[in-house]
Amino acid sequence: TTEFDTDVAEAASCALANVLSLHVPNATKLTVSGGLEVLFHIVNSHFTVNLLDVDQTIEIQTNAANALANAAANLGVEGRSKLIAAVDASLIGSSLTSTDNGDNIAIKIP
């Protein structure tokens, strides 16, 4: 089995959130490389770790959500459409949907 190092994942997710803050080129690189989908996977994952590391898994998911928010804040119209596609792909099978009204991305919960 593969051991999941929560210390490394927490530090990496925090660093990613920071490098995406107010930096359009980094947000663009993340979008082009498929990183949005990876971040959605992290936010939606339920991985099992040592019980002593549960607080770190919450921090990892929080950092991933923060990175997504920072990326979304820096994306133009084309990038936002990719973000919506990533949201929709991660929500397949659920009753949630996403929309873009030009200013905001909204996830609708029925």
C-alpha atoms as a PDB file:
ATOM      1  CA  THR A   1       0.000   0.000   0.000  1.00  0.00           C
ATOM      2  CA  THR A   2       1.008   3.615  -0.451  1.00  0.00           C
ATOM      3  CA  GLU A   3       1.536   5.639   2.687  1.00  0.00           C
ATOM      4  CA  PHE A   4      -0.088   9.076   2.606  1.00  0.00           C
ATOM      5  CA  ASP A   5       2.148  11.738   4.195  1.00  0.00           C
ATOM      6  CA  THR A   6      -0.281  14.284   5.619  1.00  0.00           C
ATOM      7  CA  ASP A   7       2.508  16.685   6.623  1.00  0.00           C
ATOM      8  CA  VAL A   8       3.727  16.952   3.039  1.00  0.00           C
ATOM      9  CA  ALA A   9       0.209  17.182   1.612  1.00  0.00           C
ATOM     10  CA  GLU A  10      -0.762  19.911   4.078  1.00  0.00           C
ATOM     11  CA  ALA A  11       2.351  21.971   3.304  1.00  0.00           C
ATOM     12  CA  ALA A  12       1.932  21.503  -0.449  1.00  0.00           C
ATOM     13  CA  SER A  13      -1.752  22.421  -0.453  1.00  0.00           C
ATOM     14  CA  CYS A  14      -1.039  25.520   1.639  1.00  0.00           C
ATOM     15  CA  ALA A  15       1.782  26.565  -0.692  1.00  0.00           C
ATOM     16  CA  LEU A  16      -0.468  26.054  -3.725  1.00  0.00           C
ATOM     17  CA  ALA A  17      -3.177  28.267  -2.212  1.00  0.00           C
ATOM     18  CA  ASN A  18      -0.560  30.956  -1.602  1.00  0.00           C
ATOM     19  CA  VAL A  19       1.016  30.906  -5.070  1.00  0.00           C
ATOM     20  CA  LEU A  20      -2.441  31.241  -6.652  1.00  0.00           C
ATOM     21  CA  SER A  21      -3.380  34.287  -4.582  1.00  0.00           C
ATOM     22  CA  LEU A  22      -3.532  37.387  -6.810  1.00  0.00           C
ATOM     23  CA  HIS A  23      -1.375  35.741  -9.506  1.00  0.00           C
ATOM     24  CA  VAL A  24      -3.080  35.257 -12.873  1.00  0.00           C
ATOM     25  CA  PRO A  25      -0.193  33.357 -14.564  1.00  0.00           C
ATOM     26  CA  ASN A  26      -0.192  30.695 -11.841  1.00  0.00           C
ATOM     27  CA  ALA A  27      -3.989  30.339 -12.010  1.00  0.00           C
ATOM     28  CA  THR A  28      -3.719  29.947 -15.788  1.00  0.00           C
ATOM     29  CA  LYS A  29      -1.014  27.277 -15.463  1.00  0.00           C
ATOM     30  CA  LEU A  30      -3.130  25.393 -12.944  1.00  0.00           C
ATOM     31  CA  THR A  31      -6.135  25.481 -15.284  1.00  0.00           C
ATOM     32  CA  VAL A  32      -4.193  24.387 -18.371  1.00  0.00           C
ATOM     33  CA  SER A  33      -2.478  21.537 -16.539  1.00  0.00           C
ATOM     34  CA  GLY A  34      -5.729  20.039 -15.239  1.00  0.00           C
ATOM     35  CA  GLY A  35      -5.084  21.116 -11.676  1.00  0.00           C
ATOM     36  CA  LEU A  36      -8.650  22.283 -11.102  1.00  0.00           C
ATOM     37  CA  GLU A  37      -9.899  18.724 -11.400  1.00  0.00           C
ATOM     38  CA  VAL A  38      -7.218  17.510  -8.983  1.00  0.00           C
ATOM     39  CA  LEU A  39      -8.181  20.160  -6.428  1.00  0.00           C
ATOM     40  CA  PHE A  40     -11.869  19.229  -6.737  1.00  0.00           C
ATOM     41  CA  HIS A  41     -10.908  15.605  -6.186  1.00  0.00           C
ATOM     42  CA  ILE A  42      -9.016  16.540  -3.019  1.00  0.00           C
ATOM     43  CA  VAL A  43     -11.905  18.634  -1.706  1.00  0.00           C
ATOM     44  CA  ASN A  44     -14.392  15.826  -2.392  1.00  0.00           C
ATOM     45  CA  SER A  45     -12.208  12.898  -1.307  1.00  0.00           C
ATOM     46  CA  HIS A  46     -12.670  10.900   1.846  1.00  0.00           C
ATOM     47  CA  PHE A  47      -9.265   9.358   2.345  1.00  0.00           C
ATOM     48  CA  THR A  48      -8.481   7.417   5.465  1.00  0.00           C
ATOM     49  CA  VAL A  49      -5.460   8.288   7.531  1.00  0.00           C
ATOM     50  CA  ASN A  50      -4.196   7.676  11.020  1.00  0.00           C
ATOM     51  CA  LEU A  51      -6.692   9.057  13.549  1.00  0.00           C
ATOM     52  CA  LEU A  52      -3.986  11.366  14.872  1.00  0.00           C
ATOM     53  CA  ASP A  53      -3.881  13.064  11.434  1.00  0.00           C
ATOM     54  CA  VAL A  54      -7.612  13.751  11.001  1.00  0.00           C
ATOM     55  CA  ASP A  55      -7.155  17.458  11.728  1.00  0.00           C
ATOM     56  CA  GLN A  56      -4.547  17.617   8.976  1.00  0.00           C
ATOM     57  CA  THR A  57      -6.874  16.047   6.412  1.00  0.00           C
ATOM     58  CA  ILE A  58      -9.369  18.810   7.162  1.00  0.00           C
ATOM     59  CA  GLU A  59      -6.596  21.381   6.655  1.00  0.00           C
ATOM     60  CA  ILE A  60      -5.599  19.758   3.345  1.00  0.00           C
ATOM     61  CA  GLN A  61      -9.166  19.969   2.062  1.00  0.00           C
ATOM     62  CA  THR A  62      -9.497  23.540   3.331  1.00  0.00           C
ATOM     63  CA  ASN A  63      -6.268  24.536   1.590  1.00  0.00           C
ATOM     64  CA  ALA A  64      -7.471  22.905  -1.642  1.00  0.00           C
ATOM     65  CA  ALA A  65     -10.745  24.835  -1.430  1.00  0.00           C
ATOM     66  CA  ASN A  66      -8.771  28.025  -0.786  1.00  0.00           C
ATOM     67  CA  ALA A  67      -6.601  27.301  -3.832  1.00  0.00           C
ATOM     68  CA  LEU A  68      -9.740  26.842  -5.946  1.00  0.00           C
ATOM     69  CA  ALA A  69     -11.145  30.142  -4.688  1.00  0.00           C
ATOM     70  CA  ASN A  70      -7.874  31.922  -5.432  1.00  0.00           C
ATOM     71  CA  ALA A  71      -7.729  30.400  -8.919  1.00  0.00           C
ATOM     72  CA  ALA A  72     -11.343  31.367  -9.629  1.00  0.00           C
ATOM     73  CA  ALA A  73     -10.659  34.951  -8.563  1.00  0.00           C
ATOM     74  CA  ASN A  74      -7.868  35.201 -11.152  1.00  0.00           C
ATOM     75  CA  LEU A  75      -9.461  33.430 -14.116  1.00  0.00           C
ATOM     76  CA  GLY A  76     -10.943  35.234 -17.086  1.00  0.00           C
ATOM     77  CA  VAL A  77     -14.096  34.150 -18.903  1.00  0.00           C
ATOM     78  CA  GLU A  78     -12.386  31.237 -20.689  1.00  0.00           C
ATOM     79  CA  GLY A  79     -10.774  30.006 -17.497  1.00  0.00           C
ATOM     80  CA  ARG A  80     -14.032  30.330 -15.607  1.00  0.00           C
ATOM     81  CA  SER A  81     -15.745  28.092 -18.155  1.00  0.00           C
ATOM     82  CA  LYS A  82     -13.060  25.473 -17.453  1.00  0.00           C
ATOM     83  CA  LEU A  83     -13.686  25.913 -13.749  1.00  0.00           C
ATOM     84  CA  ILE A  84     -17.403  25.341 -14.253  1.00  0.00           C
ATOM     85  CA  ALA A  85     -16.661  22.250 -16.350  1.00  0.00           C
ATOM     86  CA  ALA A  86     -14.465  20.940 -13.538  1.00  0.00           C
ATOM     87  CA  VAL A  87     -17.214  21.625 -10.986  1.00  0.00           C
ATOM     88  CA  ASP A  88     -19.796  19.875 -13.164  1.00  0.00           C
ATOM     89  CA  ALA A  89     -17.489  16.907 -13.728  1.00  0.00           C
ATOM     90  CA  SER A  90     -16.951  16.545  -9.991  1.00  0.00           C
ATOM     91  CA  LEU A  91     -20.696  16.766  -9.316  1.00  0.00           C
ATOM     92  CA  ILE A  92     -21.800  14.113 -11.793  1.00  0.00           C
ATOM     93  CA  GLY A  93     -24.287  11.882 -10.082  1.00  0.00           C
ATOM     94  CA  SER A  94     -25.391  14.543  -7.634  1.00  0.00           C
ATOM     95  CA  SER A  95     -28.278  16.963  -7.822  1.00  0.00           C
ATOM     96  CA  LEU A  96     -25.993  20.009  -7.683  1.00  0.00           C
ATOM     97  CA  THR A  97     -25.419  22.253 -10.713  1.00  0.00           C
ATOM     98  CA  SER A  98     -23.180  25.240 -11.403  1.00  0.00           C
ATOM     99  CA  THR A  99     -23.708  28.428 -13.400  1.00  0.00           C
ATOM    100  CA  ASP A 100     -21.744  31.526 -14.354  1.00  0.00           C
ATOM    101  CA  ASN A 101     -23.580  34.839 -14.623  1.00  0.00           C
ATOM    102  CA  GLY A 102     -20.473  36.736 -15.730  1.00  0.00           C
ATOM    103  CA  ASP A 103     -19.533  37.981 -12.278  1.00  0.00           C
ATOM    104  CA  ASN A 104     -19.935  34.987 -10.011  1.00  0.00           C
ATOM    105  CA  ILE A 105     -19.866  31.228 -10.161  1.00  0.00           C
ATOM    106  CA  ALA A 106     -22.745  29.731  -8.247  1.00  0.00           C
ATOM    107  CA  ILE A 107     -23.276  26.149  -7.157  1.00  0.00           C
ATOM    108  CA  LYS A 108     -26.971  25.495  -6.690  1.00  0.00           C
ATOM    109  CA  ILE A 109     -28.138  23.147  -3.989  1.00  0.00           C
ATOM    110  CA  PRO A 110     -31.740  21.993  -4.420  1.00  0.00           C
END
